[in-house]
Amino acid sequence: MNDKAQEIMKRLQHPFPYSDIEWRVGSTSKDKKKGLALAYITNRAIQTRLDEVFGPFGWRNEYKEWKGNSQLCGISIKYEGEWITKWDGASDSNQEAVKGRIIR
């Protein structure tokens, strides 16, 4: 890995500040008195990190419907003039009405 790539990796892996961490309740006990606390980094924090590392025009994301009730999200970065994309997907959910499903 060249020096530029190593510097990018270092900047991407830098820990997020605690203020960028949010929490939600995951699985709960049958009586709903206990729940699993799930920590996550906000979408805005990730966007800010990508802007800082690649500039506002050096990255993008896109969504595609996949297998009817699922969606894929691709995040692309521009590295040495070439777009590199990584894709991940999930089934629709009711976790967050707007973010958790495809709006038709």
PDB file of N, CA and C in Angstrom:
ATOM      1  N   MET A   1       0.851  -1.170   0.000  1.00  0.00           N
ATOM      2  CA  MET A   1       0.000   0.000   0.000  1.00  0.00           C
ATOM      3  C   MET A   1       0.900   1.238   0.000  1.00  0.00           C
ATOM      4  N   ASN A   2       0.612   2.193  -0.883  1.00  0.00           N
ATOM      5  CA  ASN A   2       1.460   3.381  -0.961  1.00  0.00           C
ATOM      6  C   ASN A   2       1.150   4.356   0.182  1.00  0.00           C
ATOM      7  N   ASP A   3       1.972   5.388   0.307  1.00  0.00           N
ATOM      8  CA  ASP A   3       1.835   6.352   1.409  1.00  0.00           C
ATOM      9  C   ASP A   3       0.486   7.059   1.403  1.00  0.00           C
ATOM     10  N   LYS A   4       0.010   7.423   0.199  1.00  0.00           N
ATOM     11  CA  LYS A   4      -1.289   8.108   0.098  1.00  0.00           C
ATOM     12  C   LYS A   4      -2.412   7.211   0.619  1.00  0.00           C
ATOM     13  N   ALA A   5      -2.415   5.963   0.199  1.00  0.00           N
ATOM     14  CA  ALA A   5      -3.440   5.020   0.641  1.00  0.00           C
ATOM     15  C   ALA A   5      -3.355   4.798   2.152  1.00  0.00           C
ATOM     16  N   GLN A   6      -2.141   4.709   2.683  1.00  0.00           N
ATOM     17  CA  GLN A   6      -1.980   4.528   4.131  1.00  0.00           C
ATOM     18  C   GLN A   6      -2.524   5.727   4.906  1.00  0.00           C
ATOM     19  N   GLU A   7      -2.289   6.930   4.400  1.00  0.00           N
ATOM     20  CA  GLU A   7      -2.797   8.134   5.061  1.00  0.00           C
ATOM     21  C   GLU A   7      -4.321   8.171   5.023  1.00  0.00           C
ATOM     22  N   ILE A   8      -4.910   7.794   3.896  1.00  0.00           N
ATOM     23  CA  ILE A   8      -6.376   7.741   3.787  1.00  0.00           C
ATOM     24  C   ILE A   8      -6.931   6.737   4.795  1.00  0.00           C
ATOM     25  N   MET A   9      -6.346   5.559   4.856  1.00  0.00           N
ATOM     26  CA  MET A   9      -6.815   4.539   5.805  1.00  0.00           C
ATOM     27  C   MET A   9      -6.715   5.037   7.237  1.00  0.00           C
ATOM     28  N   LYS A  10      -5.629   5.703   7.572  1.00  0.00           N
ATOM     29  CA  LYS A  10      -5.439   6.245   8.922  1.00  0.00           C
ATOM     30  C   LYS A  10      -6.541   7.250   9.253  1.00  0.00           C
ATOM     31  N   ARG A  11      -6.844   8.140   8.312  1.00  0.00           N
ATOM     32  CA  ARG A  11      -7.873   9.156   8.540  1.00  0.00           C
ATOM     33  C   ARG A  11      -9.265   8.543   8.643  1.00  0.00           C
ATOM     34  N   LEU A  12      -9.547   7.528   7.838  1.00  0.00           N
ATOM     35  CA  LEU A  12     -10.858   6.870   7.902  1.00  0.00           C
ATOM     36  C   LEU A  12     -11.041   6.092   9.202  1.00  0.00           C
ATOM     37  N   GLN A  13      -9.966   5.533   9.729  1.00  0.00           N
ATOM     38  CA  GLN A  13     -10.044   4.706  10.928  1.00  0.00           C
ATOM     39  C   GLN A  13      -9.957   5.493  12.225  1.00  0.00           C
ATOM     40  N   HIS A  14      -9.735   6.792  12.128  1.00  0.00           N
ATOM     41  CA  HIS A  14      -9.646   7.619  13.334  1.00  0.00           C
ATOM     42  C   HIS A  14     -10.963   7.512  14.118  1.00  0.00           C
ATOM     43  N   PRO A  15     -10.894   7.302  15.425  1.00  0.00           N
ATOM     44  CA  PRO A  15     -12.133   7.153  16.209  1.00  0.00           C
ATOM     45  C   PRO A  15     -13.036   8.384  16.098  1.00  0.00           C
ATOM     46  N   PHE A  16     -14.332   8.138  16.062  1.00  0.00           N
ATOM     47  CA  PHE A  16     -15.300   9.229  16.046  1.00  0.00           C
ATOM     48  C   PHE A  16     -15.438   9.799  17.450  1.00  0.00           C
ATOM     49  N   PRO A  17     -15.737  11.089  17.567  1.00  0.00           N
ATOM     50  CA  PRO A  17     -15.966  11.659  18.894  1.00  0.00           C
ATOM     51  C   PRO A  17     -17.239  11.062  19.508  1.00  0.00           C
ATOM     52  N   TYR A  18     -17.287  11.038  20.826  1.00  0.00           N
ATOM     53  CA  TYR A  18     -18.450  10.479  21.514  1.00  0.00           C
ATOM     54  C   TYR A  18     -19.744  11.178  21.107  1.00  0.00           C
ATOM     55  N   SER A  19     -19.657  12.453  20.748  1.00  0.00           N
ATOM     56  CA  SER A  19     -20.862  13.193  20.356  1.00  0.00           C
ATOM     57  C   SER A  19     -21.476  12.666  19.066  1.00  0.00           C
ATOM     58  N   ASP A  20     -20.729  11.892  18.277  1.00  0.00           N
ATOM     59  CA  ASP A  20     -21.257  11.310  17.045  1.00  0.00           C
ATOM     60  C   ASP A  20     -21.885   9.933  17.262  1.00  0.00           C
ATOM     61  N   ILE A  21     -21.832   9.434  18.480  1.00  0.00           N
ATOM     62  CA  ILE A  21     -22.398   8.118  18.781  1.00  0.00           C
ATOM     63  C   ILE A  21     -23.825   8.303  19.295  1.00  0.00           C
ATOM     64  N   GLU A  22     -24.745   7.554  18.705  1.00  0.00           N
ATOM     65  CA  GLU A  22     -26.126   7.549  19.176  1.00  0.00           C
ATOM     66  C   GLU A  22     -26.483   6.129  19.580  1.00  0.00           C
ATOM     67  N   TRP A  23     -27.563   6.017  20.322  1.00  0.00           N
ATOM     68  CA  TRP A  23     -27.978   4.732  20.877  1.00  0.00           C
ATOM     69  C   TRP A  23     -29.439   4.468  20.554  1.00  0.00           C
ATOM     70  N   ARG A  24     -29.764   3.183  20.424  1.00  0.00           N
ATOM     71  CA  ARG A  24     -31.160   2.768  20.319  1.00  0.00           C
ATOM     72  C   ARG A  24     -31.303   1.416  21.003  1.00  0.00           C
ATOM     73  N   VAL A  25     -32.513   1.084  21.318  1.00  0.00           N
ATOM     74  CA  VAL A  25     -32.795  -0.199  21.960  1.00  0.00           C
ATOM     75  C   VAL A  25     -32.960  -1.248  20.871  1.00  0.00           C
ATOM     76  N   GLY A  26     -32.250  -2.349  21.034  1.00  0.00           N
ATOM     77  CA  GLY A  26     -32.371  -3.469  20.107  1.00  0.00           C
ATOM     78  C   GLY A  26     -33.369  -4.478  20.655  1.00  0.00           C
ATOM     79  N   SER A  27     -32.966  -5.717  20.751  1.00  0.00           N
ATOM     80  CA  SER A  27     -33.827  -6.776  21.283  1.00  0.00           C
ATOM     81  C   SER A  27     -34.218  -6.469  22.722  1.00  0.00           C
ATOM     82  N   THR A  28     -35.440  -6.836  23.063  1.00  0.00           N
ATOM     83  CA  THR A  28     -35.920  -6.629  24.430  1.00  0.00           C
ATOM     84  C   THR A  28     -36.392  -7.953  25.014  1.00  0.00           C
ATOM     85  N   SER A  29     -36.464  -7.988  26.353  1.00  0.00           N
ATOM     86  CA  SER A  29     -37.003  -9.167  27.032  1.00  0.00           C
ATOM     87  C   SER A  29     -38.507  -9.235  26.759  1.00  0.00           C
ATOM     88  N   LYS A  30     -39.093 -10.372  27.031  1.00  0.00           N
ATOM     89  CA  LYS A  30     -40.528 -10.544  26.777  1.00  0.00           C
ATOM     90  C   LYS A  30     -41.371  -9.510  27.509  1.00  0.00           C
ATOM     91  N   ASP A  31     -40.959  -9.162  28.718  1.00  0.00           N
ATOM     92  CA  ASP A  31     -41.738  -8.174  29.484  1.00  0.00           C
ATOM     93  C   ASP A  31     -41.348  -6.729  29.139  1.00  0.00           C
ATOM     94  N   LYS A  32     -40.411  -6.562  28.213  1.00  0.00           N
ATOM     95  CA  LYS A  32     -39.961  -5.246  27.733  1.00  0.00           C
ATOM     96  C   LYS A  32     -39.287  -4.390  28.812  1.00  0.00           C
ATOM     97  N   LYS A  33     -38.850  -5.013  29.919  1.00  0.00           N
ATOM     98  CA  LYS A  33     -38.186  -4.265  30.982  1.00  0.00           C
ATOM     99  C   LYS A  33     -36.681  -4.183  30.778  1.00  0.00           C
ATOM    100  N   LYS A  34     -36.149  -5.044  29.922  1.00  0.00           N
ATOM    101  CA  LYS A  34     -34.728  -5.050  29.631  1.00  0.00           C
ATOM    102  C   LYS A  34     -34.543  -5.026  28.117  1.00  0.00           C
ATOM    103  N   GLY A  35     -33.482  -4.351  27.691  1.00  0.00           N
ATOM    104  CA  GLY A  35     -33.210  -4.289  26.261  1.00  0.00           C
ATOM    105  C   GLY A  35     -31.718  -4.218  25.995  1.00  0.00           C
ATOM    106  N   LEU A  36     -31.373  -4.555  24.801  1.00  0.00           N
ATOM    107  CA  LEU A  36     -29.991  -4.511  24.360  1.00  0.00           C
ATOM    108  C   LEU A  36     -29.715  -3.122  23.798  1.00  0.00           C
ATOM    109  N   ALA A  37     -28.732  -2.424  24.355  1.00  0.00           N
ATOM    110  CA  ALA A  37     -28.361  -1.088  23.881  1.00  0.00           C
ATOM    111  C   ALA A  37     -27.438  -1.224  22.676  1.00  0.00           C
ATOM    112  N   LEU A  38     -27.810  -0.583  21.571  1.00  0.00           N
ATOM    113  CA  LEU A  38     -27.018  -0.643  20.349  1.00  0.00           C
ATOM    114  C   LEU A  38     -26.458   0.737  20.030  1.00  0.00           C
ATOM    115  N   ALA A  39     -25.148   0.814  19.940  1.00  0.00           N
ATOM    116  CA  ALA A  39     -24.487   2.072  19.600  1.00  0.00           C
ATOM    117  C   ALA A  39     -24.278   2.131  18.095  1.00  0.00           C
ATOM    118  N   TYR A  40     -24.408   3.317  17.525  1.00  0.00           N
ATOM    119  CA  TYR A  40     -24.136   3.480  16.110  1.00  0.00           C
ATOM    120  C   TYR A  40     -23.639   4.894  15.836  1.00  0.00           C
ATOM    121  N   ILE A  41     -22.966   5.040  14.723  1.00  0.00           N
ATOM    122  CA  ILE A  41     -22.464   6.335  14.272  1.00  0.00           C
ATOM    123  C   ILE A  41     -23.513   6.916  13.334  1.00  0.00           C
ATOM    124  N   THR A  42     -23.809   8.178  13.491  1.00  0.00           N
ATOM    125  CA  THR A  42     -24.844   8.803  12.670  1.00  0.00           C
ATOM    126  C   THR A  42     -24.395   8.913  11.211  1.00  0.00           C
ATOM    127  N   ASN A  43     -25.379   8.914  10.344  1.00  0.00           N
ATOM    128  CA  ASN A  43     -25.130   9.089   8.918  1.00  0.00           C
ATOM    129  C   ASN A  43     -24.419  10.414   8.664  1.00  0.00           C
ATOM    130  N   ARG A  44     -24.824  11.453   9.368  1.00  0.00           N
ATOM    131  CA  ARG A  44     -24.203  12.771   9.200  1.00  0.00           C
ATOM    132  C   ARG A  44     -22.709  12.724   9.567  1.00  0.00           C
ATOM    133  N   ALA A  45     -22.363  11.996  10.629  1.00  0.00           N
ATOM    134  CA  ALA A  45     -20.956  11.885  11.029  1.00  0.00           C
ATOM    135  C   ALA A  45     -20.137  11.179   9.949  1.00  0.00           C
ATOM    136  N   ILE A  46     -20.717  10.164   9.340  1.00  0.00           N
ATOM    137  CA  ILE A  46     -20.015   9.442   8.273  1.00  0.00           C
ATOM    138  C   ILE A  46     -19.842  10.345   7.052  1.00  0.00           C
ATOM    139  N   GLN A  47     -20.879  11.089   6.711  1.00  0.00           N
ATOM    140  CA  GLN A  47     -20.781  12.017   5.585  1.00  0.00           C
ATOM    141  C   GLN A  47     -19.699  13.068   5.838  1.00  0.00           C
ATOM    142  N   THR A  48     -19.660  13.590   7.045  1.00  0.00           N
ATOM    143  CA  THR A  48     -18.646  14.588   7.397  1.00  0.00           C
ATOM    144  C   THR A  48     -17.251  13.999   7.280  1.00  0.00           C
ATOM    145  N   ARG A  49     -17.067  12.755   7.757  1.00  0.00           N
ATOM    146  CA  ARG A  49     -15.752  12.096   7.666  1.00  0.00           C
ATOM    147  C   ARG A  49     -15.338  11.934   6.204  1.00  0.00           C
ATOM    148  N   LEU A  50     -16.257  11.483   5.368  1.00  0.00           N
ATOM    149  CA  LEU A  50     -15.930  11.297   3.957  1.00  0.00           C
ATOM    150  C   LEU A  50     -15.619  12.634   3.279  1.00  0.00           C
ATOM    151  N   ASP A  51     -16.357  13.696   3.643  1.00  0.00           N
ATOM    152  CA  ASP A  51     -16.050  15.030   3.112  1.00  0.00           C
ATOM    153  C   ASP A  51     -14.644  15.463   3.516  1.00  0.00           C
ATOM    154  N   GLU A  52     -14.285  15.219   4.769  1.00  0.00           N
ATOM    155  CA  GLU A  52     -12.961  15.619   5.267  1.00  0.00           C
ATOM    156  C   GLU A  52     -11.842  14.860   4.564  1.00  0.00           C
ATOM    157  N   VAL A  53     -12.043  13.584   4.302  1.00  0.00           N
ATOM    158  CA  VAL A  53     -10.986  12.752   3.716  1.00  0.00           C
ATOM    159  C   VAL A  53     -10.922  12.899   2.190  1.00  0.00           C
ATOM    160  N   PHE A  54     -12.088  12.906   1.525  1.00  0.00           N
ATOM    161  CA  PHE A  54     -12.106  12.890   0.059  1.00  0.00           C
ATOM    162  C   PHE A  54     -12.609  14.187  -0.576  1.00  0.00           C
ATOM    163  N   GLY A  55     -13.105  15.111   0.249  1.00  0.00           N
ATOM    164  CA  GLY A  55     -13.711  16.332  -0.284  1.00  0.00           C
ATOM    165  C   GLY A  55     -15.157  16.054  -0.666  1.00  0.00           C
ATOM    166  N   PRO A  56     -15.987  17.094  -0.736  1.00  0.00           N
ATOM    167  CA  PRO A  56     -17.410  16.883  -1.005  1.00  0.00           C
ATOM    168  C   PRO A  56     -17.703  16.296  -2.386  1.00  0.00           C
ATOM    169  N   PHE A  57     -16.759  16.378  -3.311  1.00  0.00           N
ATOM    170  CA  PHE A  57     -16.977  15.827  -4.647  1.00  0.00           C
ATOM    171  C   PHE A  57     -16.194  14.536  -4.880  1.00  0.00           C
ATOM    172  N   GLY A  58     -15.574  14.013  -3.830  1.00  0.00           N
ATOM    173  CA  GLY A  58     -14.733  12.838  -3.975  1.00  0.00           C
ATOM    174  C   GLY A  58     -15.366  11.548  -3.487  1.00  0.00           C
ATOM    175  N   TRP A  59     -16.654  11.598  -3.159  1.00  0.00           N
ATOM    176  CA  TRP A  59     -17.353  10.386  -2.751  1.00  0.00           C
ATOM    177  C   TRP A  59     -18.830  10.535  -3.095  1.00  0.00           C
ATOM    178  N   ARG A  60     -19.536   9.411  -3.126  1.00  0.00           N
ATOM    179  CA  ARG A  60     -20.978   9.426  -3.401  1.00  0.00           C
ATOM    180  C   ARG A  60     -21.589   8.126  -2.889  1.00  0.00           C
ATOM    181  N   ASN A  61     -22.895   8.147  -2.729  1.00  0.00           N
ATOM    182  CA  ASN A  61     -23.591   6.897  -2.421  1.00  0.00           C
ATOM    183  C   ASN A  61     -24.827   6.807  -3.290  1.00  0.00           C
ATOM    184  N   GLU A  62     -25.286   5.578  -3.477  1.00  0.00           N
ATOM    185  CA  GLU A  62     -26.472   5.346  -4.290  1.00  0.00           C
ATOM    186  C   GLU A  62     -27.189   4.114  -3.765  1.00  0.00           C
ATOM    187  N   TYR A  63     -28.472   4.046  -4.060  1.00  0.00           N
ATOM    188  CA  TYR A  63     -29.308   2.952  -3.579  1.00  0.00           C
ATOM    189  C   TYR A  63     -29.967   2.260  -4.759  1.00  0.00           C
ATOM    190  N   LYS A  64     -30.130   0.942  -4.620  1.00  0.00           N
ATOM    191  CA  LYS A  64     -30.802   0.154  -5.640  1.00  0.00           C
ATOM    192  C   LYS A  64     -31.721  -0.844  -4.952  1.00  0.00           C
ATOM    193  N   GLU A  65     -32.908  -1.012  -5.520  1.00  0.00           N
ATOM    194  CA  GLU A  65     -33.796  -2.071  -5.027  1.00  0.00           C
ATOM    195  C   GLU A  65     -33.192  -3.402  -5.461  1.00  0.00           C
ATOM    196  N   TRP A  66     -33.323  -4.413  -4.584  1.00  0.00           N
ATOM    197  CA  TRP A  66     -32.711  -5.703  -4.846  1.00  0.00           C
ATOM    198  C   TRP A  66     -33.629  -6.807  -4.337  1.00  0.00           C
ATOM    199  N   LYS A  67     -33.954  -7.743  -5.186  1.00  0.00           N
ATOM    200  CA  LYS A  67     -34.776  -8.897  -4.830  1.00  0.00           C
ATOM    201  C   LYS A  67     -36.123  -8.500  -4.235  1.00  0.00           C
ATOM    202  N   GLY A  68     -36.715  -7.454  -4.753  1.00  0.00           N
ATOM    203  CA  GLY A  68     -38.077  -7.085  -4.375  1.00  0.00           C
ATOM    204  C   GLY A  68     -38.241  -6.361  -3.057  1.00  0.00           C
ATOM    205  N   ASN A  69     -37.805  -6.948  -1.955  1.00  0.00           N
ATOM    206  CA  ASN A  69     -38.039  -6.314  -0.650  1.00  0.00           C
ATOM    207  C   ASN A  69     -36.736  -5.960   0.069  1.00  0.00           C
ATOM    208  N   SER A  70     -35.686  -5.803  -0.687  1.00  0.00           N
ATOM    209  CA  SER A  70     -34.389  -5.468  -0.097  1.00  0.00           C
ATOM    210  C   SER A  70     -33.797  -4.297  -0.857  1.00  0.00           C
ATOM    211  N   GLN A  71     -32.772  -3.720  -0.272  1.00  0.00           N
ATOM    212  CA  GLN A  71     -32.089  -2.640  -0.962  1.00  0.00           C
ATOM    213  C   GLN A  71     -30.592  -2.753  -0.767  1.00  0.00           C
ATOM    214  N   LEU A  72     -29.882  -2.242  -1.749  1.00  0.00           N
ATOM    215  CA  LEU A  72     -28.428  -2.181  -1.702  1.00  0.00           C
ATOM    216  C   LEU A  72     -28.016  -0.721  -1.614  1.00  0.00           C
ATOM    217  N   CYS A  73     -26.968  -0.466  -0.852  1.00  0.00           N
ATOM    218  CA  CYS A  73     -26.381   0.862  -0.794  1.00  0.00           C
ATOM    219  C   CYS A  73     -24.928   0.730  -1.221  1.00  0.00           C
ATOM    220  N   GLY A  74     -24.542   1.549  -2.166  1.00  0.00           N
ATOM    221  CA  GLY A  74     -23.158   1.585  -2.617  1.00  0.00           C
ATOM    222  C   GLY A  74     -22.510   2.888  -2.196  1.00  0.00           C
ATOM    223  N   ILE A  75     -21.333   2.798  -1.627  1.00  0.00           N
ATOM    224  CA  ILE A  75     -20.552   3.978  -1.291  1.00  0.00           C
ATOM    225  C   ILE A  75     -19.315   3.942  -2.178  1.00  0.00           C
ATOM    226  N   SER A  76     -19.122   5.047  -2.907  1.00  0.00           N
ATOM    227  CA  SER A  76     -18.000   5.141  -3.839  1.00  0.00           C
ATOM    228  C   SER A  76     -17.069   6.266  -3.412  1.00  0.00           C
ATOM    229  N   ILE A  77     -15.792   6.023  -3.604  1.00  0.00           N
ATOM    230  CA  ILE A  77     -14.791   7.081  -3.393  1.00  0.00           C
ATOM    231  C   ILE A  77     -13.991   7.215  -4.688  1.00  0.00           C
ATOM    232  N   LYS A  78     -13.524   8.423  -4.914  1.00  0.00           N
ATOM    233  CA  LYS A  78     -12.692   8.653  -6.089  1.00  0.00           C
ATOM    234  C   LYS A  78     -11.234   8.610  -5.640  1.00  0.00           C
ATOM    235  N   TYR A  79     -10.525   7.622  -6.162  1.00  0.00           N
ATOM    236  CA  TYR A  79      -9.119   7.426  -5.784  1.00  0.00           C
ATOM    237  C   TYR A  79      -8.284   7.409  -7.052  1.00  0.00           C
ATOM    238  N   GLU A  80      -7.372   8.344  -7.145  1.00  0.00           N
ATOM    239  CA  GLU A  80      -6.494   8.471  -8.305  1.00  0.00           C
ATOM    240  C   GLU A  80      -7.292   8.465  -9.613  1.00  0.00           C
ATOM    241  N   GLY A  81      -8.405   9.232  -9.614  1.00  0.00           N
ATOM    242  CA  GLY A  81      -9.215   9.410 -10.812  1.00  0.00           C
ATOM    243  C   GLY A  81     -10.190   8.303 -11.123  1.00  0.00           C
ATOM    244  N   GLU A  82     -10.248   7.272 -10.306  1.00  0.00           N
ATOM    245  CA  GLU A  82     -11.131   6.128 -10.565  1.00  0.00           C
ATOM    246  C   GLU A  82     -12.137   5.981  -9.427  1.00  0.00           C
ATOM    247  N   TRP A  83     -13.402   5.723  -9.774  1.00  0.00           N
ATOM    248  CA  TRP A  83     -14.428   5.480  -8.758  1.00  0.00           C
ATOM    249  C   TRP A  83     -14.343   4.033  -8.294  1.00  0.00           C
ATOM    250  N   ILE A  84     -14.273   3.846  -6.979  1.00  0.00           N
ATOM    251  CA  ILE A  84     -14.236   2.520  -6.369  1.00  0.00           C
ATOM    252  C   ILE A  84     -15.467   2.414  -5.474  1.00  0.00           C
ATOM    253  N   THR A  85     -16.274   1.376  -5.687  1.00  0.00           N
ATOM    254  CA  THR A  85     -17.543   1.231  -4.980  1.00  0.00           C
ATOM    255  C   THR A  85     -17.572  -0.053  -4.170  1.00  0.00           C
ATOM    256  N   LYS A  86     -18.103   0.049  -2.974  1.00  0.00           N
ATOM    257  CA  LYS A  86     -18.387  -1.113  -2.123  1.00  0.00           C
ATOM    258  C   LYS A  86     -19.900  -1.131  -1.894  1.00  0.00           C
ATOM    259  N   TRP A  87     -20.505  -2.307  -2.005  1.00  0.00           N
ATOM    260  CA  TRP A  87     -21.958  -2.456  -1.860  1.00  0.00           C
ATOM    261  C   TRP A  87     -22.284  -3.295  -0.639  1.00  0.00           C
ATOM    262  N   ASP A  88     -23.394  -2.964  -0.006  1.00  0.00           N
ATOM    263  CA  ASP A  88     -23.930  -3.769   1.089  1.00  0.00           C
ATOM    264  C   ASP A  88     -25.439  -3.669   1.003  1.00  0.00           C
ATOM    265  N   GLY A  89     -26.130  -4.620   1.582  1.00  0.00           N
ATOM    266  CA  GLY A  89     -27.577  -4.609   1.476  1.00  0.00           C
ATOM    267  C   GLY A  89     -28.256  -5.148   2.704  1.00  0.00           C
ATOM    268  N   ALA A  90     -29.558  -4.903   2.747  1.00  0.00           N
ATOM    269  CA  ALA A  90     -30.371  -5.384   3.857  1.00  0.00           C
ATOM    270  C   ALA A  90     -31.815  -5.458   3.406  1.00  0.00           C
ATOM    271  N   SER A  91     -32.568  -6.302   4.093  1.00  0.00           N
ATOM    272  CA  SER A  91     -34.003  -6.356   3.848  1.00  0.00           C
ATOM    273  C   SER A  91     -34.648  -5.104   4.399  1.00  0.00           C
ATOM    274  N   ASP A  92     -35.806  -4.744   3.845  1.00  0.00           N
ATOM    275  CA  ASP A  92     -36.562  -3.620   4.378  1.00  0.00           C
ATOM    276  C   ASP A  92     -36.906  -3.897   5.830  1.00  0.00           C
ATOM    277  N   SER A  93     -37.001  -2.841   6.617  1.00  0.00           N
ATOM    278  CA  SER A  93     -37.350  -2.998   8.027  1.00  0.00           C
ATOM    279  C   SER A  93     -38.292  -1.894   8.445  1.00  0.00           C
ATOM    280  N   ASN A  94     -38.857  -2.047   9.606  1.00  0.00           N
ATOM    281  CA  ASN A  94     -39.716  -1.014  10.174  1.00  0.00           C
ATOM    282  C   ASN A  94     -38.995  -0.267  11.287  1.00  0.00           C
ATOM    283  N   GLN A  95     -37.680  -0.432  11.381  1.00  0.00           N
ATOM    284  CA  GLN A  95     -36.911   0.216  12.442  1.00  0.00           C
ATOM    285  C   GLN A  95     -37.067   1.729  12.384  1.00  0.00           C
ATOM    286  N   GLU A  96     -36.884   2.275  11.200  1.00  0.00           N
ATOM    287  CA  GLU A  96     -37.109   3.696  10.961  1.00  0.00           C
ATOM    288  C   GLU A  96     -37.928   3.773   9.684  1.00  0.00           C
ATOM    289  N   ALA A  97     -39.122   4.309   9.787  1.00  0.00           N
ATOM    290  CA  ALA A  97     -40.056   4.261   8.662  1.00  0.00           C
ATOM    291  C   ALA A  97     -39.482   4.812   7.365  1.00  0.00           C
ATOM    292  N   VAL A  98     -38.714   5.880   7.418  1.00  0.00           N
ATOM    293  CA  VAL A  98     -38.177   6.466   6.198  1.00  0.00           C
ATOM    294  C   VAL A  98     -36.880   5.797   5.787  1.00  0.00           C
ATOM    295  N   LYS A  99     -35.960   5.580   6.736  1.00  0.00           N
ATOM    296  CA  LYS A  99     -34.657   5.038   6.399  1.00  0.00           C
ATOM    297  C   LYS A  99     -34.669   3.525   6.249  1.00  0.00           C
ATOM    298  N   GLY A 100     -35.593   2.842   6.869  1.00  0.00           N
ATOM    299  CA  GLY A 100     -35.562   1.386   6.913  1.00  0.00           C
ATOM    300  C   GLY A 100     -36.275   0.695   5.773  1.00  0.00           C
ATOM    301  N   ARG A 101     -36.866   1.454   4.869  1.00  0.00           N
ATOM    302  CA  ARG A 101     -37.558   0.801   3.773  1.00  0.00           C
ATOM    303  C   ARG A 101     -37.437   1.644   2.523  1.00  0.00           C
ATOM    304  N   ILE A 102     -37.731   1.016   1.415  1.00  0.00           N
ATOM    305  CA  ILE A 102     -37.751   1.730   0.146  1.00  0.00           C
ATOM    306  C   ILE A 102     -39.103   2.413   0.025  1.00  0.00           C
ATOM    307  N   ILE A 103     -39.104   3.675  -0.311  1.00  0.00           N
ATOM    308  CA  ILE A 103     -40.355   4.403  -0.496  1.00  0.00           C
ATOM    309  C   ILE A 103     -40.788   4.194  -1.938  1.00  0.00           C
ATOM    310  N   ARG A 104     -41.971   3.703  -2.108  1.00  0.00           N
ATOM    311  CA  ARG A 104     -42.496   3.429  -3.458  1.00  0.00           C
ATOM    312  C   ARG A 104     -43.538   4.441  -3.818  1.00  0.00           C
TER     313      ARG A 104
END
